[in-house]
mmCIF file of all heavy atoms, coordinates in Angstrom:
data_MODEL
# 
_entry.id   MODEL 
# 
loop_
_atom_site.group_PDB 
_atom_site.id 
_atom_site.type_symbol 
_atom_site.label_atom_id 
_atom_site.label_alt_id 
_atom_site.label_comp_id 
_atom_site.label_asym_id 
_atom_site.label_entity_id 
_atom_site.label_seq_id 
_atom_site.pdbx_PDB_ins_code 
_atom_site.Cartn_x 
_atom_site.Cartn_y 
_atom_site.Cartn_z 
_atom_site.occupancy 
_atom_site.B_iso_or_equiv 
_atom_site.pdbx_formal_charge 
_atom_site.auth_seq_id 
_atom_site.auth_comp_id 
_atom_site.auth_asym_id 
_atom_site.auth_atom_id 
_atom_site.pdbx_PDB_model_num 
ATOM 1   N N   . ILE A 1 1  ? 8.197  -3.873  -4.968  1.00 0.00 ? 1  ILE A N   1 
ATOM 2   C CA  . ILE A 1 1  ? 7.796  -2.496  -4.687  1.00 0.00 ? 1  ILE A CA  1 
ATOM 3   C C   . ILE A 1 1  ? 8.596  -1.997  -3.489  1.00 0.00 ? 1  ILE A C   1 
ATOM 4   O O   . ILE A 1 1  ? 8.706  -2.683  -2.476  1.00 0.00 ? 1  ILE A O   1 
ATOM 5   C CB  . ILE A 1 1  ? 6.285  -2.398  -4.398  1.00 0.00 ? 1  ILE A CB  1 
ATOM 6   C CG1 . ILE A 1 1  ? 5.477  -2.795  -5.645  1.00 0.00 ? 1  ILE A CG1 1 
ATOM 7   C CG2 . ILE A 1 1  ? 5.902  -0.984  -3.949  1.00 0.00 ? 1  ILE A CG2 1 
ATOM 8   C CD1 . ILE A 1 1  ? 3.982  -2.843  -5.411  1.00 0.00 ? 1  ILE A CD1 1 
ATOM 9   N N   . ILE A 1 2  ? 9.153  -0.793  -3.618  1.00 0.00 ? 2  ILE A N   1 
ATOM 10  C CA  . ILE A 1 2  ? 9.903  -0.160  -2.529  1.00 0.00 ? 2  ILE A CA  1 
ATOM 11  C C   . ILE A 1 2  ? 9.158  1.092   -2.098  1.00 0.00 ? 2  ILE A C   1 
ATOM 12  O O   . ILE A 1 2  ? 8.816  1.946   -2.923  1.00 0.00 ? 2  ILE A O   1 
ATOM 13  C CB  . ILE A 1 2  ? 11.324 0.222   -2.992  1.00 0.00 ? 2  ILE A CB  1 
ATOM 14  C CG1 . ILE A 1 2  ? 12.120 -1.026  -3.394  1.00 0.00 ? 2  ILE A CG1 1 
ATOM 15  C CG2 . ILE A 1 2  ? 12.061 0.991   -1.886  1.00 0.00 ? 2  ILE A CG2 1 
ATOM 16  C CD1 . ILE A 1 2  ? 13.422 -0.716  -4.118  1.00 0.00 ? 2  ILE A CD1 1 
ATOM 17  N N   . ILE A 1 3  ? 8.878  1.190   -0.798  1.00 0.00 ? 3  ILE A N   1 
ATOM 18  C CA  . ILE A 1 3  ? 8.209  2.382   -0.252  1.00 0.00 ? 3  ILE A CA  1 
ATOM 19  C C   . ILE A 1 3  ? 9.054  2.855   0.933   1.00 0.00 ? 3  ILE A C   1 
ATOM 20  O O   . ILE A 1 3  ? 8.892  2.379   2.054   1.00 0.00 ? 3  ILE A O   1 
ATOM 21  C CB  . ILE A 1 3  ? 6.766  2.089   0.184   1.00 0.00 ? 3  ILE A CB  1 
ATOM 22  C CG1 . ILE A 1 3  ? 6.031  1.201   -0.829  1.00 0.00 ? 3  ILE A CG1 1 
ATOM 23  C CG2 . ILE A 1 3  ? 6.007  3.396   0.378   1.00 0.00 ? 3  ILE A CG2 1 
ATOM 24  C CD1 . ILE A 1 3  ? 4.630  0.801   -0.401  1.00 0.00 ? 3  ILE A CD1 1 
ATOM 25  N N   . GLU A 1 4  ? 9.929  3.786   0.678   1.00 0.00 ? 4  GLU A N   1 
ATOM 26  C CA  . GLU A 1 4  ? 10.920 4.203   1.684   1.00 0.00 ? 4  GLU A CA  1 
ATOM 27  C C   . GLU A 1 4  ? 10.597 5.591   2.238   1.00 0.00 ? 4  GLU A C   1 
ATOM 28  O O   . GLU A 1 4  ? 10.446 6.550   1.490   1.00 0.00 ? 4  GLU A O   1 
ATOM 29  C CB  . GLU A 1 4  ? 12.319 4.210   1.057   1.00 0.00 ? 4  GLU A CB  1 
ATOM 30  C CG  . GLU A 1 4  ? 13.424 4.583   2.019   1.00 0.00 ? 4  GLU A CG  1 
ATOM 31  C CD  . GLU A 1 4  ? 14.806 4.536   1.379   1.00 0.00 ? 4  GLU A CD  1 
ATOM 32  O OE1 . GLU A 1 4  ? 14.907 4.328   0.148   1.00 0.00 ? 4  GLU A OE1 1 
ATOM 33  O OE2 . GLU A 1 4  ? 15.794 4.717   2.112   1.00 0.00 ? 4  GLU A OE2 1 
ATOM 34  N N   . GLY A 1 5  ? 10.493 5.681   3.562   1.00 0.00 ? 5  GLY A N   1 
ATOM 35  C CA  . GLY A 1 5  ? 10.284 6.975   4.200   1.00 0.00 ? 5  GLY A CA  1 
ATOM 36  C C   . GLY A 1 5  ? 8.959  7.624   3.862   1.00 0.00 ? 5  GLY A C   1 
ATOM 37  O O   . GLY A 1 5  ? 8.857  8.853   3.827   1.00 0.00 ? 5  GLY A O   1 
ATOM 38  N N   . VAL A 1 6  ? 7.926  6.827   3.632   1.00 0.00 ? 6  VAL A N   1 
ATOM 39  C CA  . VAL A 1 6  ? 6.642  7.353   3.151   1.00 0.00 ? 6  VAL A CA  1 
ATOM 40  C C   . VAL A 1 6  ? 5.465  6.962   4.043   1.00 0.00 ? 6  VAL A C   1 
ATOM 41  O O   . VAL A 1 6  ? 4.645  7.801   4.425   1.00 0.00 ? 6  VAL A O   1 
ATOM 42  C CB  . VAL A 1 6  ? 6.361  6.872   1.705   1.00 0.00 ? 6  VAL A CB  1 
ATOM 43  C CG1 . VAL A 1 6  ? 4.964  7.300   1.254   1.00 0.00 ? 6  VAL A CG1 1 
ATOM 44  C CG2 . VAL A 1 6  ? 7.428  7.398   0.743   1.00 0.00 ? 6  VAL A CG2 1 
ATOM 45  N N   . LEU A 1 7  ? 5.351  5.680   4.383   1.00 0.00 ? 7  LEU A N   1 
ATOM 46  C CA  . LEU A 1 7  ? 4.116  5.164   4.966   1.00 0.00 ? 7  LEU A CA  1 
ATOM 47  C C   . LEU A 1 7  ? 3.801  5.717   6.354   1.00 0.00 ? 7  LEU A C   1 
ATOM 48  O O   . LEU A 1 7  ? 2.637  5.695   6.773   1.00 0.00 ? 7  LEU A O   1 
ATOM 49  C CB  . LEU A 1 7  ? 4.153  3.636   5.004   1.00 0.00 ? 7  LEU A CB  1 
ATOM 50  C CG  . LEU A 1 7  ? 4.178  2.948   3.631   1.00 0.00 ? 7  LEU A CG  1 
ATOM 51  C CD1 . LEU A 1 7  ? 4.148  1.430   3.791   1.00 0.00 ? 7  LEU A CD1 1 
ATOM 52  C CD2 . LEU A 1 7  ? 3.010  3.406   2.766   1.00 0.00 ? 7  LEU A CD2 1 
ATOM 53  N N   . MET A 1 8  ? 4.793  6.241   7.054   1.00 0.00 ? 8  MET A N   1 
ATOM 54  C CA  . MET A 1 8  ? 4.513  6.809   8.377   1.00 0.00 ? 8  MET A CA  1 
ATOM 55  C C   . MET A 1 8  ? 3.663  8.078   8.299   1.00 0.00 ? 8  MET A C   1 
ATOM 56  O O   . MET A 1 8  ? 3.084  8.507   9.294   1.00 0.00 ? 8  MET A O   1 
ATOM 57  C CB  . MET A 1 8  ? 5.805  7.088   9.142   1.00 0.00 ? 8  MET A CB  1 
ATOM 58  C CG  . MET A 1 8  ? 6.754  8.082   8.476   1.00 0.00 ? 8  MET A CG  1 
ATOM 59  S SD  . MET A 1 8  ? 7.753  7.339   7.173   1.00 0.00 ? 8  MET A SD  1 
ATOM 60  C CE  . MET A 1 8  ? 8.836  6.257   8.074   1.00 0.00 ? 8  MET A CE  1 
ATOM 61  N N   . TYR A 1 9  ? 3.559  8.655   7.097   1.00 0.00 ? 9  TYR A N   1 
ATOM 62  C CA  . TYR A 1 9  ? 2.764  9.869   6.922   1.00 0.00 ? 9  TYR A CA  1 
ATOM 63  C C   . TYR A 1 9  ? 1.360  9.572   6.369   1.00 0.00 ? 9  TYR A C   1 
ATOM 64  O O   . TYR A 1 9  ? 0.640  10.484  5.972   1.00 0.00 ? 9  TYR A O   1 
ATOM 65  C CB  . TYR A 1 9  ? 3.484  10.826  5.965   1.00 0.00 ? 9  TYR A CB  1 
ATOM 66  C CG  . TYR A 1 9  ? 4.893  11.161  6.416   1.00 0.00 ? 9  TYR A CG  1 
ATOM 67  C CD1 . TYR A 1 9  ? 6.001  10.726  5.698   1.00 0.00 ? 9  TYR A CD1 1 
ATOM 68  C CD2 . TYR A 1 9  ? 5.112  11.911  7.575   1.00 0.00 ? 9  TYR A CD2 1 
ATOM 69  C CE1 . TYR A 1 9  ? 7.291  11.025  6.114   1.00 0.00 ? 9  TYR A CE1 1 
ATOM 70  C CE2 . TYR A 1 9  ? 6.397  12.205  7.999   1.00 0.00 ? 9  TYR A CE2 1 
ATOM 71  C CZ  . TYR A 1 9  ? 7.484  11.764  7.267   1.00 0.00 ? 9  TYR A CZ  1 
ATOM 72  O OH  . TYR A 1 9  ? 8.760  12.061  7.690   1.00 0.00 ? 9  TYR A OH  1 
ATOM 73  N N   . ILE A 1 10 ? 0.981  8.298   6.343   1.00 0.00 ? 10 ILE A N   1 
ATOM 74  C CA  . ILE A 1 10 ? -0.288 7.881   5.757   1.00 0.00 ? 10 ILE A CA  1 
ATOM 75  C C   . ILE A 1 10 ? -1.136 7.174   6.825   1.00 0.00 ? 10 ILE A C   1 
ATOM 76  O O   . ILE A 1 10 ? -0.616 6.431   7.656   1.00 0.00 ? 10 ILE A O   1 
ATOM 77  C CB  . ILE A 1 10 ? -0.037 6.948   4.553   1.00 0.00 ? 10 ILE A CB  1 
ATOM 78  C CG1 . ILE A 1 10 ? 0.754  7.696   3.474   1.00 0.00 ? 10 ILE A CG1 1 
ATOM 79  C CG2 . ILE A 1 10 ? -1.340 6.419   3.990   1.00 0.00 ? 10 ILE A CG2 1 
ATOM 80  C CD1 . ILE A 1 10 ? 1.154  6.832   2.304   1.00 0.00 ? 10 ILE A CD1 1 
ATOM 81  N N   . LYS A 1 11 ? -2.445 7.384   6.779   1.00 0.00 ? 11 LYS A N   1 
ATOM 82  C CA  . LYS A 1 11 ? -3.340 6.775   7.756   1.00 0.00 ? 11 LYS A CA  1 
ATOM 83  C C   . LYS A 1 11 ? -3.479 5.270   7.528   1.00 0.00 ? 11 LYS A C   1 
ATOM 84  O O   . LYS A 1 11 ? -3.353 4.788   6.409   1.00 0.00 ? 11 LYS A O   1 
ATOM 85  C CB  . LYS A 1 11 ? -4.732 7.423   7.669   1.00 0.00 ? 11 LYS A CB  1 
ATOM 86  C CG  . LYS A 1 11 ? -4.755 8.899   8.020   1.00 0.00 ? 11 LYS A CG  1 
ATOM 87  C CD  . LYS A 1 11 ? -6.154 9.461   7.811   1.00 0.00 ? 11 LYS A CD  1 
ATOM 88  C CE  . LYS A 1 11 ? -6.205 10.955  8.097   1.00 0.00 ? 11 LYS A CE  1 
ATOM 89  N NZ  . LYS A 1 11 ? -7.561 11.514  7.814   1.00 0.00 ? 11 LYS A NZ  1 
ATOM 90  N N   . GLU A 1 12 ? -3.802 4.556   8.608   1.00 0.00 ? 12 GLU A N   1 
ATOM 91  C CA  . GLU A 1 12 ? -3.967 3.104   8.520   1.00 0.00 ? 12 GLU A CA  1 
ATOM 92  C C   . GLU A 1 12 ? -5.022 2.722   7.481   1.00 0.00 ? 12 GLU A C   1 
ATOM 93  O O   . GLU A 1 12 ? -4.847 1.763   6.727   1.00 0.00 ? 12 GLU A O   1 
ATOM 94  C CB  . GLU A 1 12 ? -4.350 2.525   9.878   1.00 0.00 ? 12 GLU A CB  1 
ATOM 95  C CG  . GLU A 1 12 ? -4.498 1.011   9.850   1.00 0.00 ? 12 GLU A CG  1 
ATOM 96  C CD  . GLU A 1 12 ? -4.996 0.435   11.160  1.00 0.00 ? 12 GLU A CD  1 
ATOM 97  O OE1 . GLU A 1 12 ? -4.181 0.293   12.096  1.00 0.00 ? 12 GLU A OE1 1 
ATOM 98  O OE2 . GLU A 1 12 ? -6.207 0.129   11.222  1.00 0.00 ? 12 GLU A OE2 1 
ATOM 99  N N   . SER A 1 13 ? -6.125 3.448   7.438   1.00 0.00 ? 13 SER A N   1 
ATOM 100 C CA  . SER A 1 13 ? -7.182 3.128   6.477   1.00 0.00 ? 13 SER A CA  1 
ATOM 101 C C   . SER A 1 13 ? -6.675 3.204   5.042   1.00 0.00 ? 13 SER A C   1 
ATOM 102 O O   . SER A 1 13 ? -7.076 2.407   4.184   1.00 0.00 ? 13 SER A O   1 
ATOM 103 C CB  . SER A 1 13 ? -8.371 4.076   6.660   1.00 0.00 ? 13 SER A CB  1 
ATOM 104 O OG  . SER A 1 13 ? -7.978 5.433   6.467   1.00 0.00 ? 13 SER A OG  1 
ATOM 105 N N   . GLU A 1 14 ? -5.771 4.147   4.791   1.00 0.00 ? 14 GLU A N   1 
ATOM 106 C CA  . GLU A 1 14 ? -5.209 4.295   3.442   1.00 0.00 ? 14 GLU A CA  1 
ATOM 107 C C   . GLU A 1 14 ? -4.176 3.208   3.153   1.00 0.00 ? 14 GLU A C   1 
ATOM 108 O O   . GLU A 1 14 ? -4.022 2.785   2.008   1.00 0.00 ? 14 GLU A O   1 
ATOM 109 C CB  . GLU A 1 14 ? -4.596 5.687   3.289   1.00 0.00 ? 14 GLU A CB  1 
ATOM 110 C CG  . GLU A 1 14 ? -5.623 6.804   3.357   1.00 0.00 ? 14 GLU A CG  1 
ATOM 111 C CD  . GLU A 1 14 ? -4.998 8.188   3.329   1.00 0.00 ? 14 GLU A CD  1 
ATOM 112 O OE1 . GLU A 1 14 ? -4.055 8.431   4.114   1.00 0.00 ? 14 GLU A OE1 1 
ATOM 113 O OE2 . GLU A 1 14 ? -5.451 9.025   2.535   1.00 0.00 ? 14 GLU A OE2 1 
ATOM 114 N N   . ILE A 1 15 ? -3.481 2.772   4.202   1.00 0.00 ? 15 ILE A N   1 
ATOM 115 C CA  . ILE A 1 15 ? -2.543 1.657   4.044   1.00 0.00 ? 15 ILE A CA  1 
ATOM 116 C C   . ILE A 1 15 ? -3.304 0.403   3.610   1.00 0.00 ? 15 ILE A C   1 
ATOM 117 O O   . ILE A 1 15 ? -2.906 -0.302  2.686   1.00 0.00 ? 15 ILE A O   1 
ATOM 118 C CB  . ILE A 1 15 ? -1.792 1.364   5.358   1.00 0.00 ? 15 ILE A CB  1 
ATOM 119 C CG1 . ILE A 1 15 ? -1.027 2.587   5.862   1.00 0.00 ? 15 ILE A CG1 1 
ATOM 120 C CG2 . ILE A 1 15 ? -0.866 0.156   5.189   1.00 0.00 ? 15 ILE A CG2 1 
ATOM 121 C CD1 . ILE A 1 15 ? 0.189  2.973   5.092   1.00 0.00 ? 15 ILE A CD1 1 
ATOM 122 N N   . LYS A 1 16 ? -4.419 0.140   4.284   1.00 0.00 ? 16 LYS A N   1 
ATOM 123 C CA  . LYS A 1 16 ? -5.246 -1.014  3.926   1.00 0.00 ? 16 LYS A CA  1 
ATOM 124 C C   . LYS A 1 16 ? -5.752 -0.895  2.490   1.00 0.00 ? 16 LYS A C   1 
ATOM 125 O O   . LYS A 1 16 ? -5.768 -1.872  1.734   1.00 0.00 ? 16 LYS A O   1 
ATOM 126 C CB  . LYS A 1 16 ? -6.436 -1.126  4.882   1.00 0.00 ? 16 LYS A CB  1 
ATOM 127 C CG  . LYS A 1 16 ? -6.067 -1.526  6.298   1.00 0.00 ? 16 LYS A CG  1 
ATOM 128 C CD  . LYS A 1 16 ? -7.322 -1.630  7.153   1.00 0.00 ? 16 LYS A CD  1 
ATOM 129 C CE  . LYS A 1 16 ? -7.013 -2.079  8.568   1.00 0.00 ? 16 LYS A CE  1 
ATOM 130 N NZ  . LYS A 1 16 ? -8.231 -2.163  9.407   1.00 0.00 ? 16 LYS A NZ  1 
ATOM 131 N N   . GLU A 1 17 ? -6.154 0.311   2.112   1.00 0.00 ? 17 GLU A N   1 
ATOM 132 C CA  . GLU A 1 17 ? -6.632 0.558   0.751   1.00 0.00 ? 17 GLU A CA  1 
ATOM 133 C C   . GLU A 1 17 ? -5.537 0.250   -0.264  1.00 0.00 ? 17 GLU A C   1 
ATOM 134 O O   . GLU A 1 17 ? -5.786 -0.372  -1.307  1.00 0.00 ? 17 GLU A O   1 
ATOM 135 C CB  . GLU A 1 17 ? -7.080 2.008   0.619   1.00 0.00 ? 17 GLU A CB  1 
ATOM 136 C CG  . GLU A 1 17 ? -7.526 2.405   -0.781  1.00 0.00 ? 17 GLU A CG  1 
ATOM 137 C CD  . GLU A 1 17 ? -7.727 3.906   -0.924  1.00 0.00 ? 17 GLU A CD  1 
ATOM 138 O OE1 . GLU A 1 17 ? -7.899 4.590   0.111   1.00 0.00 ? 17 GLU A OE1 1 
ATOM 139 O OE2 . GLU A 1 17 ? -7.695 4.406   -2.064  1.00 0.00 ? 17 GLU A OE2 1 
ATOM 140 N N   . LEU A 1 18 ? -4.310 0.677   0.049   1.00 0.00 ? 18 LEU A N   1 
ATOM 141 C CA  . LEU A 1 18 ? -3.193 0.441   -0.854  1.00 0.00 ? 18 LEU A CA  1 
ATOM 142 C C   . LEU A 1 18 ? -2.897 -1.048  -1.003  1.00 0.00 ? 18 LEU A C   1 
ATOM 143 O O   . LEU A 1 18 ? -2.671 -1.547  -2.115  1.00 0.00 ? 18 LEU A O   1 
ATOM 144 C CB  . LEU A 1 18 ? -1.946 1.188   -0.355  1.00 0.00 ? 18 LEU A CB  1 
ATOM 145 C CG  . LEU A 1 18 ? -0.705 1.118   -1.244  1.00 0.00 ? 18 LEU A CG  1 
ATOM 146 C CD1 . LEU A 1 18 ? -0.973 1.758   -2.601  1.00 0.00 ? 18 LEU A CD1 1 
ATOM 147 C CD2 . LEU A 1 18 ? 0.489  1.797   -0.557  1.00 0.00 ? 18 LEU A CD2 1 
ATOM 148 N N   . ILE A 1 19 ? -2.905 -1.776  0.106   1.00 0.00 ? 19 ILE A N   1 
ATOM 149 C CA  . ILE A 1 19 ? -2.661 -3.222  0.075   1.00 0.00 ? 19 ILE A CA  1 
ATOM 150 C C   . ILE A 1 19 ? -3.697 -3.915  -0.807  1.00 0.00 ? 19 ILE A C   1 
ATOM 151 O O   . ILE A 1 19 ? -3.358 -4.731  -1.672  1.00 0.00 ? 19 ILE A O   1 
ATOM 152 C CB  . ILE A 1 19 ? -2.698 -3.812  1.501   1.00 0.00 ? 19 ILE A CB  1 
ATOM 153 C CG1 . ILE A 1 19 ? -1.516 -3.300  2.324   1.00 0.00 ? 19 ILE A CG1 1 
ATOM 154 C CG2 . ILE A 1 19 ? -2.672 -5.345  1.446   1.00 0.00 ? 19 ILE A CG2 1 
ATOM 155 C CD1 . ILE A 1 19 ? -1.645 -3.579  3.818   1.00 0.00 ? 19 ILE A CD1 1 
ATOM 156 N N   . ASN A 1 20 ? -4.954 -3.576  -0.600  1.00 0.00 ? 20 ASN A N   1 
ATOM 157 C CA  . ASN A 1 20 ? -6.028 -4.207  -1.377  1.00 0.00 ? 20 ASN A CA  1 
ATOM 158 C C   . ASN A 1 20 ? -5.943 -3.850  -2.857  1.00 0.00 ? 20 ASN A C   1 
ATOM 159 O O   . ASN A 1 20 ? -6.171 -4.701  -3.716  1.00 0.00 ? 20 ASN A O   1 
ATOM 160 C CB  . ASN A 1 20 ? -7.391 -3.802  -0.806  1.00 0.00 ? 20 ASN A CB  1 
ATOM 161 C CG  . ASN A 1 20 ? -7.692 -4.479  0.514   1.00 0.00 ? 20 ASN A CG  1 
ATOM 162 O OD1 . ASN A 1 20 ? -7.287 -5.603  0.743   1.00 0.00 ? 20 ASN A OD1 1 
ATOM 163 N ND2 . ASN A 1 20 ? -8.391 -3.777  1.399   1.00 0.00 ? 20 ASN A ND2 1 
ATOM 164 N N   . SER A 1 21 ? -5.591 -2.598  -3.149  1.00 0.00 ? 21 SER A N   1 
ATOM 165 C CA  . SER A 1 21 ? -5.469 -2.168  -4.547  1.00 0.00 ? 21 SER A CA  1 
ATOM 166 C C   . SER A 1 21 ? -4.338 -2.894  -5.254  1.00 0.00 ? 21 SER A C   1 
ATOM 167 O O   . SER A 1 21 ? -4.485 -3.335  -6.398  1.00 0.00 ? 21 SER A O   1 
ATOM 168 C CB  . SER A 1 21 ? -5.236 -0.659  -4.622  1.00 0.00 ? 21 SER A CB  1 
ATOM 169 O OG  . SER A 1 21 ? -6.378 0.059   -4.234  1.00 0.00 ? 21 SER A OG  1 
ATOM 170 N N   . ILE A 1 22 ? -3.202 -3.036  -4.566  1.00 0.00 ? 22 ILE A N   1 
ATOM 171 C CA  . ILE A 1 22 ? -2.061 -3.739  -5.155  1.00 0.00 ? 22 ILE A CA  1 
ATOM 172 C C   . ILE A 1 22 ? -2.434 -5.193  -5.424  1.00 0.00 ? 22 ILE A C   1 
ATOM 173 O O   . ILE A 1 22 ? -2.158 -5.741  -6.491  1.00 0.00 ? 22 ILE A O   1 
ATOM 174 C CB  . ILE A 1 22 ? -0.826 -3.641  -4.239  1.00 0.00 ? 22 ILE A CB  1 
ATOM 175 C CG1 . ILE A 1 22 ? -0.271 -2.209  -4.261  1.00 0.00 ? 22 ILE A CG1 1 
ATOM 176 C CG2 . ILE A 1 22 ? 0.259  -4.628  -4.679  1.00 0.00 ? 22 ILE A CG2 1 
ATOM 177 C CD1 . ILE A 1 22 ? 0.818  -1.952  -3.245  1.00 0.00 ? 22 ILE A CD1 1 
ATOM 178 N N   . SER A 1 23 ? -3.077 -5.817  -4.444  1.00 0.00 ? 23 SER A N   1 
ATOM 179 C CA  . SER A 1 23 ? -3.468 -7.212  -4.598  1.00 0.00 ? 23 SER A CA  1 
ATOM 180 C C   . SER A 1 23 ? -4.433 -7.398  -5.768  1.00 0.00 ? 23 SER A C   1 
ATOM 181 O O   . SER A 1 23 ? -4.258 -8.297  -6.596  1.00 0.00 ? 23 SER A O   1 
ATOM 182 C CB  . SER A 1 23 ? -4.118 -7.717  -3.315  1.00 0.00 ? 23 SER A CB  1 
ATOM 183 O OG  . SER A 1 23 ? -4.644 -9.012  -3.491  1.00 0.00 ? 23 SER A OG  1 
ATOM 184 N N   . THR A 1 24 ? -5.414 -6.537  -5.850  1.00 0.00 ? 24 THR A N   1 
ATOM 185 C CA  . THR A 1 24 ? -6.448 -6.659  -6.877  1.00 0.00 ? 24 THR A CA  1 
ATOM 186 C C   . THR A 1 24 ? -5.949 -6.313  -8.268  1.00 0.00 ? 24 THR A C   1 
ATOM 187 O O   . THR A 1 24 ? -6.240 -7.006  -9.244  1.00 0.00 ? 24 THR A O   1 
ATOM 188 C CB  . THR A 1 24 ? -7.647 -5.746  -6.530  1.00 0.00 ? 24 THR A CB  1 
ATOM 189 O OG1 . THR A 1 24 ? -8.169 -6.132  -5.254  1.00 0.00 ? 24 THR A OG1 1 
ATOM 190 C CG2 . THR A 1 24 ? -8.737 -5.867  -7.577  1.00 0.00 ? 24 THR A CG2 1 
ATOM 191 N N   . ASN A 1 25 ? -5.167 -5.214  -8.374  1.00 0.00 ? 25 ASN A N   1 
ATOM 192 C CA  . ASN A 1 25 ? -4.811 -4.669  -9.683  1.00 0.00 ? 25 ASN A CA  1 
ATOM 193 C C   . ASN A 1 25 ? -3.434 -5.069  -10.199 1.00 0.00 ? 25 ASN A C   1 
ATOM 194 O O   . ASN A 1 25 ? -3.194 -4.978  -11.400 1.00 0.00 ? 25 ASN A O   1 
ATOM 195 C CB  . ASN A 1 25 ? -4.894 -3.142  -9.643  1.00 0.00 ? 25 ASN A CB  1 
ATOM 196 C CG  . ASN A 1 25 ? -6.280 -2.641  -9.345  1.00 0.00 ? 25 ASN A CG  1 
ATOM 197 O OD1 . ASN A 1 25 ? -7.162 -2.703  -10.197 1.00 0.00 ? 25 ASN A OD1 1 
ATOM 198 N ND2 . ASN A 1 25 ? -6.493 -2.155  -8.131  1.00 0.00 ? 25 ASN A ND2 1 
ATOM 199 N N   . LEU A 1 26 ? -2.566 -5.506  -9.292  1.00 0.00 ? 26 LEU A N   1 
ATOM 200 C CA  . LEU A 1 26 ? -1.214 -5.866  -9.717  1.00 0.00 ? 26 LEU A CA  1 
ATOM 201 C C   . LEU A 1 26 ? -0.917 -7.338  -9.520  1.00 0.00 ? 26 LEU A C   1 
ATOM 202 O O   . LEU A 1 26 ? -0.207 -7.956  -10.313 1.00 0.00 ? 26 LEU A O   1 
ATOM 203 C CB  . LEU A 1 26 ? -0.183 -5.005  -8.967  1.00 0.00 ? 26 LEU A CB  1 
ATOM 204 C CG  . LEU A 1 26 ? 1.285  -5.126  -9.351  1.00 0.00 ? 26 LEU A CG  1 
ATOM 205 C CD1 . LEU A 1 26 ? 1.479  -4.915  -10.853 1.00 0.00 ? 26 LEU A CD1 1 
ATOM 206 C CD2 . LEU A 1 26 ? 2.111  -4.103  -8.570  1.00 0.00 ? 26 LEU A CD2 1 
ATOM 207 N N   . GLY A 1 27 ? -1.452 -7.910  -8.461  1.00 0.00 ? 27 GLY A N   1 
ATOM 208 C CA  . GLY A 1 27 ? -1.234 -9.337  -8.243  1.00 0.00 ? 27 GLY A CA  1 
ATOM 209 C C   . GLY A 1 27 ? -0.216 -9.605  -7.154  1.00 0.00 ? 27 GLY A C   1 
ATOM 210 O O   . GLY A 1 27 ? -0.112 -8.859  -6.187  1.00 0.00 ? 27 GLY A O   1 
ATOM 211 N N   . ASN A 1 28 ? 0.565  -10.650 -7.305  1.00 0.00 ? 28 ASN A N   1 
ATOM 212 C CA  . ASN A 1 28 ? 1.508  -11.084 -6.277  1.00 0.00 ? 28 ASN A CA  1 
ATOM 213 C C   . ASN A 1 28 ? 2.803  -10.289 -6.359  1.00 0.00 ? 28 ASN A C   1 
ATOM 214 O O   . ASN A 1 28 ? 3.487  -10.293 -7.387  1.00 0.00 ? 28 ASN A O   1 
ATOM 215 C CB  . ASN A 1 28 ? 1.803  -12.566 -6.443  1.00 0.00 ? 28 ASN A CB  1 
ATOM 216 C CG  . ASN A 1 28 ? 0.534  -13.409 -6.367  1.00 0.00 ? 28 ASN A CG  1 
ATOM 217 O OD1 . ASN A 1 28 ? -0.433 -13.030 -5.706  1.00 0.00 ? 28 ASN A OD1 1 
ATOM 218 N ND2 . ASN A 1 28 ? 0.528  -14.530 -7.053  1.00 0.00 ? 28 ASN A ND2 1 
ATOM 219 N N   . VAL A 1 29 ? 3.141  -9.598  -5.265  1.00 0.00 ? 29 VAL A N   1 
ATOM 220 C CA  . VAL A 1 29 ? 4.337  -8.761  -5.250  1.00 0.00 ? 29 VAL A CA  1 
ATOM 221 C C   . VAL A 1 29 ? 5.051  -8.866  -3.915  1.00 0.00 ? 29 VAL A C   1 
ATOM 222 O O   . VAL A 1 29 ? 4.462  -9.245  -2.894  1.00 0.00 ? 29 VAL A O   1 
ATOM 223 C CB  . VAL A 1 29 ? 3.996  -7.269  -5.514  1.00 0.00 ? 29 VAL A CB  1 
ATOM 224 C CG1 . VAL A 1 29 ? 3.283  -7.085  -6.846  1.00 0.00 ? 29 VAL A CG1 1 
ATOM 225 C CG2 . VAL A 1 29 ? 3.155  -6.697  -4.379  1.00 0.00 ? 29 VAL A CG2 1 
# 
């Protein structure tokens, strides 16, 4: 997964949500 020039505009709580969602729904990346 590539996330370029994006995450600085997102809140920490949403970053954590994204990490957990990827882990749960996509697996090892």
